[in-house]
Amino acid sequence: MNQNLAKEICEKALEFGYNKCGIISVKDINGFEDELNRREEKFPESKEELEKDLEKRQEAKRRDHNKLGRELELFTTVDVVGQGLPLLMPKGATLFQTLQRFVEDEERRRGYLLTRTPYMAKSDLYKISGHWDHYKDGMFVFGDEEKDDEVFALRPMTCPFQYYVIQK
């Protein structure tokens, strides 16, 4: 790729949201000058590739679920609630409920059995199953093992609970 074409593609790519684009010239071990593209993502090698990629990016923007969800009044977010924690609006809650019912009906049709287990349990359950040693650091724990008689944790998985459901 010649230096001018590389520079032109680089400038246009940066304009359309590529993270980085750098052209450096180095001499290889045989003394021939070569060009390298430093990049954090796949960088187009030609104008045609760049145009195709830009079309894909524009289509992705058009289909952006975050933008569409807000425009269709499916959900909203509020800074005080937290980033990435959507509040379902009536249309979104209805859509969620419809999908949930579909999945439940399909599970029933296929012979799955429904169980419900608590959202938290004593640490003893996770110690018996072996999960405590592997997952404790990533779990939301209530209490201190050093000070409290009982320590609880929000469940990161349901398998320890299901073991007891199946036993009964």
Protein backbone atom coordinates (compact mmCIF):
# COMPACT_ATOMS: atom_id res chain seq x y z
CA MET A 1 0.00 0.00 0.00
CA ASN A 2 1.49 3.36 -0.89
CA GLN A 3 1.96 5.95 1.85
CA ASN A 4 -0.56 8.49 0.46
CA LEU A 5 -3.37 5.95 0.07
CA ALA A 6 -2.67 4.57 3.56
CA LYS A 7 -2.82 8.08 5.01
CA GLU A 8 -6.09 8.86 3.19
CA ILE A 9 -7.73 5.64 4.43
CA CYS A 10 -6.40 6.27 7.92
CA GLU A 11 -7.82 9.81 8.08
CA LYS A 12 -11.24 8.69 6.83
CA ALA A 13 -11.28 5.71 9.23
CA LEU A 14 -10.52 7.92 12.22
CA GLU A 15 -13.27 10.29 11.11
CA PHE A 16 -15.77 7.41 11.24
CA GLY A 17 -14.88 6.09 14.66
CA TYR A 18 -11.97 3.68 14.36
CA ASN A 19 -9.99 3.56 17.60
CA LYS A 20 -6.50 4.04 16.25
CA CYS A 21 -4.69 4.28 13.00
CA GLY A 22 -1.00 4.75 12.61
CA ILE A 23 1.29 4.37 9.64
CA ILE A 24 4.95 3.88 10.38
CA SER A 25 7.73 3.19 7.98
CA VAL A 26 10.43 0.69 8.93
CA LYS A 27 13.27 -1.10 7.22
CA ASP A 28 13.03 -4.85 7.38
CA ILE A 29 16.02 -7.05 8.05
CA ASN A 30 16.87 -7.09 4.34
CA GLY A 31 16.98 -3.28 4.18
CA PHE A 32 13.71 -2.88 2.23
CA GLU A 33 11.38 -0.17 3.41
CA ASP A 34 7.98 -1.49 4.42
CA GLU A 35 4.81 0.02 5.84
CA LEU A 36 3.06 -1.20 8.94
CA ASN A 37 -0.42 -0.38 10.16
CA ARG A 38 -0.68 -0.26 13.93
CA ARG A 39 -4.27 -0.92 14.93
CA GLU A 40 -6.48 -2.20 17.69
CA GLU A 41 -9.10 -3.56 15.32
CA LYS A 42 -9.13 -4.93 11.79
CA PHE A 43 -8.16 -2.02 9.64
CA PRO A 44 -9.33 -1.79 6.01
CA GLU A 45 -6.62 -2.37 3.43
CA SER A 46 -8.39 -0.59 0.57
CA LYS A 47 -10.98 2.11 -0.08
CA GLU A 48 -13.49 -0.59 -1.07
CA GLU A 49 -13.00 -2.43 2.22
CA LEU A 50 -13.33 0.83 4.11
CA GLU A 51 -16.59 1.70 2.32
CA LYS A 52 -18.05 -1.77 3.07
CA ASP A 53 -17.03 -1.51 6.71
CA LEU A 54 -18.50 1.99 7.03
CA GLU A 55 -21.80 0.70 5.58
CA LYS A 56 -21.83 -2.07 8.22
CA ARG A 57 -21.16 0.47 10.97
CA GLN A 58 -23.98 2.74 9.77
CA GLU A 59 -26.36 -0.25 9.67
CA ALA A 60 -25.30 -1.20 13.19
CA LYS A 61 -26.06 2.35 14.36
CA ARG A 62 -29.48 2.15 12.71
CA ARG A 63 -30.21 -1.11 14.56
CA ASP A 64 -28.69 -0.02 17.90
CA HIS A 65 -30.85 -1.75 20.55
CA ASN A 66 -30.15 0.98 23.09
CA LYS A 67 -31.42 3.70 20.76
CA LEU A 68 -34.36 1.62 19.48
CA GLY A 69 -35.42 0.54 22.97
CA ARG A 70 -35.70 4.15 24.04
CA GLU A 71 -37.44 5.31 20.84
CA LEU A 72 -39.97 2.46 21.10
CA GLU A 73 -40.48 3.28 24.80
CA LEU A 74 -39.46 -0.25 25.86
CA PHE A 75 -37.07 0.95 28.58
CA THR A 76 -35.27 3.89 30.04
CA THR A 77 -32.22 4.29 32.23
CA VAL A 78 -31.62 6.73 35.04
CA ASP A 79 -28.16 7.61 36.35
CA VAL A 80 -29.26 7.35 39.97
CA VAL A 81 -30.41 3.74 39.38
CA GLY A 82 -27.16 2.74 37.68
CA GLN A 83 -25.52 2.35 34.28
CA GLY A 84 -26.80 -0.69 32.38
CA LEU A 85 -29.78 -1.21 34.70
CA PRO A 86 -32.84 -0.63 32.49
CA LEU A 87 -36.24 0.30 33.85
CA LEU A 88 -38.84 -1.48 31.73
CA MET A 89 -41.63 0.80 30.57
CA PRO A 90 -45.14 -0.66 30.09
CA LYS A 91 -44.41 -1.72 26.49
CA GLY A 92 -41.10 -3.29 27.50
CA ALA A 93 -42.62 -5.07 30.49
CA THR A 94 -45.38 -6.46 28.25
CA LEU A 95 -42.82 -7.66 25.71
CA PHE A 96 -40.75 -9.25 28.50
CA GLN A 97 -43.83 -10.97 29.93
CA THR A 98 -44.86 -12.27 26.49
CA LEU A 99 -41.40 -13.74 25.89
CA GLN A 100 -41.31 -15.20 29.39
CA ARG A 101 -44.66 -16.91 28.88
CA PHE A 102 -43.54 -18.26 25.51
CA VAL A 103 -40.41 -19.77 27.08
CA GLU A 104 -42.37 -21.24 29.99
CA ASP A 105 -44.96 -22.78 27.65
CA GLU A 106 -42.21 -24.21 25.47
CA GLU A 107 -40.41 -25.69 28.47
CA ARG A 108 -43.66 -27.29 29.66
CA ARG A 109 -44.34 -28.66 26.17
CA ARG A 110 -40.88 -30.23 26.13
CA GLY A 111 -41.32 -31.84 29.54
CA TYR A 112 -39.20 -29.57 31.73
CA LEU A 113 -40.22 -29.38 35.37
CA LEU A 114 -40.37 -25.98 37.06
CA THR A 115 -38.72 -25.37 40.43
CA ARG A 116 -38.11 -22.21 42.43
CA THR A 117 -35.30 -21.76 44.91
CA PRO A 118 -34.35 -18.93 47.27
CA TYR A 119 -32.20 -16.07 46.04
CA MET A 120 -29.77 -16.64 48.90
CA ALA A 121 -28.60 -19.43 51.17
CA LYS A 122 -26.31 -20.12 54.07
CA SER A 123 -22.66 -20.49 53.16
CA ASP A 124 -22.92 -24.10 54.40
CA LEU A 125 -24.78 -25.07 51.22
CA TYR A 126 -21.99 -23.73 49.01
CA LYS A 127 -19.30 -25.31 51.21
CA ILE A 128 -20.93 -28.74 50.91
CA SER A 129 -21.22 -28.42 47.12
CA GLY A 130 -17.65 -27.17 46.76
CA HIS A 131 -18.75 -23.87 45.21
CA TRP A 132 -17.66 -21.76 48.19
CA ASP A 133 -13.94 -22.29 47.66
CA HIS A 134 -14.18 -21.59 43.93
CA TYR A 135 -16.66 -18.71 43.83
CA LYS A 136 -16.71 -17.00 47.24
CA ASP A 137 -14.61 -14.04 46.09
CA GLY A 138 -17.13 -13.30 43.32
CA MET A 139 -20.22 -13.80 45.48
CA PHE A 140 -22.27 -11.18 47.33
CA VAL A 141 -21.82 -12.35 50.94
CA PHE A 142 -23.81 -11.21 54.00
CA GLY A 143 -21.82 -11.54 57.19
CA ASP A 144 -18.28 -12.32 58.17
CA GLU A 145 -17.06 -15.90 58.56
CA GLU A 146 -14.71 -14.82 61.36
CA LYS A 147 -17.36 -13.06 63.47
CA ASP A 148 -20.81 -14.43 62.59
CA ASP A 149 -22.37 -17.81 63.39
CA GLU A 150 -24.22 -17.84 60.08
CA VAL A 151 -23.10 -16.30 56.81
CA PHE A 152 -25.41 -15.98 53.83
CA ALA A 153 -24.74 -15.31 50.16
CA LEU A 154 -26.80 -14.42 47.11
CA ARG A 155 -26.91 -17.43 44.84
CA PRO A 156 -24.51 -17.29 41.90
CA MET A 157 -25.85 -20.63 40.63
CA THR A 158 -28.79 -22.92 41.33
CA CYS A 159 -27.17 -26.36 41.11
CA PRO A 160 -26.63 -26.78 44.89
CA PHE A 161 -30.32 -26.05 45.45
CA GLN A 162 -31.44 -28.38 42.66
CA TYR A 163 -29.53 -31.25 44.26
CA TYR A 164 -31.85 -31.02 47.28
CA VAL A 165 -34.97 -30.59 45.15
CA ILE A 166 -34.15 -33.77 43.22
CA GLN A 167 -33.43 -35.71 46.45
CA LYS A 168 -36.97 -35.10 47.66
